[in-house]
Amino acid sequence: MKAYKAEDGRILLFRPEENARRFNKSAERMAMPPVPEELFQSWTQR
């Protein structure tokens, strides 16, 4: 994941929906079950 700090101090993620898709591609290659994208994105939000 790519993240950066905004001027106001918030941490912003770069393309979190793409990270979810990449995670699931990797999981498939390792014979792991996919994680629903909504669930993955909920892990990355406060």
PDB file of N, CA and C in Angstrom:
ATOM      1  N   MET A   1       0.830  -1.179   0.000  1.00  0.00           N
ATOM      2  CA  MET A   1       0.000   0.000   0.000  1.00  0.00           C
ATOM      3  C   MET A   1       0.874   1.240   0.000  1.00  0.00           C
ATOM      4  N   LYS A   2       0.377   2.237  -0.682  1.00  0.00           N
ATOM      5  CA  LYS A   2       1.057   3.522  -0.671  1.00  0.00           C
ATOM      6  C   LYS A   2       0.208   4.485   0.153  1.00  0.00           C
ATOM      7  N   ALA A   3       0.859   5.217   1.000  1.00  0.00           N
ATOM      8  CA  ALA A   3       0.170   6.200   1.829  1.00  0.00           C
ATOM      9  C   ALA A   3       1.048   7.440   1.940  1.00  0.00           C
ATOM     10  N   TYR A   4       0.424   8.561   2.171  1.00  0.00           N
ATOM     11  CA  TYR A   4       1.182   9.783   2.383  1.00  0.00           C
ATOM     12  C   TYR A   4       0.452  10.648   3.398  1.00  0.00           C
ATOM     13  N   LYS A   5       1.190  11.568   3.960  1.00  0.00           N
ATOM     14  CA  LYS A   5       0.651  12.443   4.991  1.00  0.00           C
ATOM     15  C   LYS A   5       0.242  13.765   4.354  1.00  0.00           C
ATOM     16  N   ALA A   6      -0.997  14.168   4.573  1.00  0.00           N
ATOM     17  CA  ALA A   6      -1.501  15.437   4.063  1.00  0.00           C
ATOM     18  C   ALA A   6      -0.979  16.586   4.931  1.00  0.00           C
ATOM     19  N   GLU A   7      -1.059  17.778   4.403  1.00  0.00           N
ATOM     20  CA  GLU A   7      -0.586  18.948   5.155  1.00  0.00           C
ATOM     21  C   GLU A   7      -1.302  19.113   6.495  1.00  0.00           C
ATOM     22  N   ASP A   8      -2.555  18.661   6.558  1.00  0.00           N
ATOM     23  CA  ASP A   8      -3.309  18.803   7.807  1.00  0.00           C
ATOM     24  C   ASP A   8      -3.062  17.652   8.780  1.00  0.00           C
ATOM     25  N   GLY A   9      -2.143  16.732   8.427  1.00  0.00           N
ATOM     26  CA  GLY A   9      -1.776  15.652   9.328  1.00  0.00           C
ATOM     27  C   GLY A   9      -2.486  14.330   9.075  1.00  0.00           C
ATOM     28  N   ARG A  10      -3.515  14.335   8.218  1.00  0.00           N
ATOM     29  CA  ARG A  10      -4.219  13.089   7.920  1.00  0.00           C
ATOM     30  C   ARG A  10      -3.326  12.175   7.087  1.00  0.00           C
ATOM     31  N   ILE A  11      -3.526  10.865   7.248  1.00  0.00           N
ATOM     32  CA  ILE A  11      -2.843   9.876   6.431  1.00  0.00           C
ATOM     33  C   ILE A  11      -3.799   9.470   5.314  1.00  0.00           C
ATOM     34  N   LEU A  12      -3.362   9.598   4.085  1.00  0.00           N
ATOM     35  CA  LEU A  12      -4.198   9.291   2.930  1.00  0.00           C
ATOM     36  C   LEU A  12      -3.621   8.097   2.192  1.00  0.00           C
ATOM     37  N   LEU A  13      -4.504   7.168   1.817  1.00  0.00           N
ATOM     38  CA  LEU A  13      -4.089   5.979   1.070  1.00  0.00           C
ATOM     39  C   LEU A  13      -4.232   6.244  -0.422  1.00  0.00           C
ATOM     40  N   PHE A  14      -3.295   5.728  -1.180  1.00  0.00           N
ATOM     41  CA  PHE A  14      -3.308   5.874  -2.624  1.00  0.00           C
ATOM     42  C   PHE A  14      -4.010   4.679  -3.249  1.00  0.00           C
ATOM     43  N   ARG A  15      -5.119   4.903  -3.908  1.00  0.00           N
ATOM     44  CA  ARG A  15      -5.907   3.881  -4.603  1.00  0.00           C
ATOM     45  C   ARG A  15      -6.210   2.649  -3.753  1.00  0.00           C
ATOM     46  N   PRO A  16      -6.937   2.807  -2.650  1.00  0.00           N
ATOM     47  CA  PRO A  16      -7.217   1.645  -1.790  1.00  0.00           C
ATOM     48  C   PRO A  16      -8.006   0.548  -2.493  1.00  0.00           C
ATOM     49  N   GLU A  17      -8.875   0.903  -3.451  1.00  0.00           N
ATOM     50  CA  GLU A  17      -9.641  -0.133  -4.160  1.00  0.00           C
ATOM     51  C   GLU A  17      -8.726  -0.995  -5.027  1.00  0.00           C
ATOM     52  N   GLU A  18      -7.681  -0.405  -5.589  1.00  0.00           N
ATOM     53  CA  GLU A  18      -6.717  -1.189  -6.370  1.00  0.00           C
ATOM     54  C   GLU A  18      -5.917  -2.124  -5.463  1.00  0.00           C
ATOM     55  N   ASN A  19      -5.612  -1.680  -4.256  1.00  0.00           N
ATOM     56  CA  ASN A  19      -4.891  -2.534  -3.306  1.00  0.00           C
ATOM     57  C   ASN A  19      -5.715  -3.767  -2.962  1.00  0.00           C
ATOM     58  N   ALA A  20      -7.020  -3.601  -2.834  1.00  0.00           N
ATOM     59  CA  ALA A  20      -7.889  -4.742  -2.532  1.00  0.00           C
ATOM     60  C   ALA A  20      -7.841  -5.757  -3.674  1.00  0.00           C
ATOM     61  N   ARG A  21      -7.871  -5.278  -4.910  1.00  0.00           N
ATOM     62  CA  ARG A  21      -7.814  -6.189  -6.063  1.00  0.00           C
ATOM     63  C   ARG A  21      -6.471  -6.904  -6.127  1.00  0.00           C
ATOM     64  N   ARG A  22      -5.387  -6.176  -5.894  1.00  0.00           N
ATOM     65  CA  ARG A  22      -4.058  -6.805  -5.907  1.00  0.00           C
ATOM     66  C   ARG A  22      -3.933  -7.838  -4.796  1.00  0.00           C
ATOM     67  N   PHE A  23      -4.479  -7.521  -3.622  1.00  0.00           N
ATOM     68  CA  PHE A  23      -4.447  -8.459  -2.506  1.00  0.00           C
ATOM     69  C   PHE A  23      -5.127  -9.766  -2.895  1.00  0.00           C
ATOM     70  N   ASN A  24      -6.285  -9.660  -3.532  1.00  0.00           N
ATOM     71  CA  ASN A  24      -7.023 -10.863  -3.911  1.00  0.00           C
ATOM     72  C   ASN A  24      -6.315 -11.652  -5.006  1.00  0.00           C
ATOM     73  N   LYS A  25      -5.640 -10.976  -5.920  1.00  0.00           N
ATOM     74  CA  LYS A  25      -4.849 -11.696  -6.929  1.00  0.00           C
ATOM     75  C   LYS A  25      -3.737 -12.488  -6.251  1.00  0.00           C
ATOM     76  N   SER A  26      -3.077 -11.867  -5.289  1.00  0.00           N
ATOM     77  CA  SER A  26      -2.012 -12.558  -4.551  1.00  0.00           C
ATOM     78  C   SER A  26      -2.582 -13.724  -3.751  1.00  0.00           C
ATOM     79  N   ALA A  27      -3.719 -13.514  -3.128  1.00  0.00           N
ATOM     80  CA  ALA A  27      -4.345 -14.581  -2.345  1.00  0.00           C
ATOM     81  C   ALA A  27      -4.670 -15.778  -3.239  1.00  0.00           C
ATOM     82  N   GLU A  28      -5.161 -15.503  -4.427  1.00  0.00           N
ATOM     83  CA  GLU A  28      -5.497 -16.589  -5.357  1.00  0.00           C
ATOM     84  C   GLU A  28      -4.243 -17.393  -5.715  1.00  0.00           C
ATOM     85  N   ARG A  29      -3.145 -16.704  -5.961  1.00  0.00           N
ATOM     86  CA  ARG A  29      -1.898 -17.412  -6.309  1.00  0.00           C
ATOM     87  C   ARG A  29      -1.402 -18.284  -5.167  1.00  0.00           C
ATOM     88  N   MET A  30      -1.730 -17.902  -3.939  1.00  0.00           N
ATOM     89  CA  MET A  30      -1.291 -18.679  -2.769  1.00  0.00           C
ATOM     90  C   MET A  30      -2.368 -19.650  -2.288  1.00  0.00           C
ATOM     91  N   ALA A  31      -3.401 -19.836  -3.105  1.00  0.00           N
ATOM     92  CA  ALA A  31      -4.512 -20.743  -2.792  1.00  0.00           C
ATOM     93  C   ALA A  31      -5.248 -20.345  -1.518  1.00  0.00           C
ATOM     94  N   MET A  32      -5.338 -19.035  -1.288  1.00  0.00           N
ATOM     95  CA  MET A  32      -6.096 -18.500  -0.148  1.00  0.00           C
ATOM     96  C   MET A  32      -7.450 -18.011  -0.662  1.00  0.00           C
ATOM     97  N   PRO A  33      -8.469 -18.037   0.172  1.00  0.00           N
ATOM     98  CA  PRO A  33      -9.769 -17.516  -0.271  1.00  0.00           C
ATOM     99  C   PRO A  33      -9.696 -15.988  -0.438  1.00  0.00           C
ATOM    100  N   PRO A  34     -10.437 -15.450  -1.396  1.00  0.00           N
ATOM    101  CA  PRO A  34     -10.439 -13.993  -1.584  1.00  0.00           C
ATOM    102  C   PRO A  34     -11.170 -13.295  -0.434  1.00  0.00           C
ATOM    103  N   VAL A  35     -10.816 -12.054  -0.222  1.00  0.00           N
ATOM    104  CA  VAL A  35     -11.465 -11.216   0.792  1.00  0.00           C
ATOM    105  C   VAL A  35     -12.371 -10.238   0.045  1.00  0.00           C
ATOM    106  N   PRO A  36     -13.634 -10.107   0.428  1.00  0.00           N
ATOM    107  CA  PRO A  36     -14.499  -9.130  -0.243  1.00  0.00           C
ATOM    108  C   PRO A  36     -13.863  -7.736  -0.192  1.00  0.00           C
ATOM    109  N   GLU A  37     -13.917  -7.033  -1.325  1.00  0.00           N
ATOM    110  CA  GLU A  37     -13.267  -5.724  -1.409  1.00  0.00           C
ATOM    111  C   GLU A  37     -13.789  -4.754  -0.352  1.00  0.00           C
ATOM    112  N   GLU A  38     -15.090  -4.831  -0.041  1.00  0.00           N
ATOM    113  CA  GLU A  38     -15.666  -3.925   0.956  1.00  0.00           C
ATOM    114  C   GLU A  38     -15.039  -4.182   2.333  1.00  0.00           C
ATOM    115  N   LEU A  39     -14.817  -5.455   2.640  1.00  0.00           N
ATOM    116  CA  LEU A  39     -14.210  -5.805   3.922  1.00  0.00           C
ATOM    117  C   LEU A  39     -12.769  -5.319   3.967  1.00  0.00           C
ATOM    118  N   PHE A  40     -12.017  -5.542   2.908  1.00  0.00           N
ATOM    119  CA  PHE A  40     -10.635  -5.086   2.838  1.00  0.00           C
ATOM    120  C   PHE A  40     -10.572  -3.574   3.043  1.00  0.00           C
ATOM    121  N   GLN A  41     -11.433  -2.855   2.363  1.00  0.00           N
ATOM    122  CA  GLN A  41     -11.418  -1.388   2.483  1.00  0.00           C
ATOM    123  C   GLN A  41     -11.836  -0.932   3.866  1.00  0.00           C
ATOM    124  N   SER A  42     -12.693  -1.698   4.548  1.00  0.00           N
ATOM    125  CA  SER A  42     -13.093  -1.304   5.902  1.00  0.00           C
ATOM    126  C   SER A  42     -11.907  -1.426   6.862  1.00  0.00           C
ATOM    127  N   TRP A  43     -10.956  -2.321   6.552  1.00  0.00           N
ATOM    128  CA  TRP A  43      -9.760  -2.456   7.390  1.00  0.00           C
ATOM    129  C   TRP A  43      -8.841  -1.256   7.267  1.00  0.00           C
ATOM    130  N   THR A  44      -8.940  -0.553   6.147  1.00  0.00           N
ATOM    131  CA  THR A  44      -8.029   0.566   5.892  1.00  0.00           C
ATOM    132  C   THR A  44      -8.627   1.912   6.267  1.00  0.00           C
ATOM    133  N   GLN A  45      -9.830   1.922   6.819  1.00  0.00           N
ATOM    134  CA  GLN A  45     -10.484   3.167   7.206  1.00  0.00           C
ATOM    135  C   GLN A  45     -10.645   3.240   8.697  1.00  0.00           C
ATOM    136  N   ARG A  46     -10.706   4.449   9.190  1.00  0.00           N
ATOM    137  CA  ARG A  46     -10.969   4.626  10.627  1.00  0.00           C
ATOM    138  C   ARG A  46     -12.422   4.843  10.857  1.00  0.00           C
TER     139      ARG A  46
END
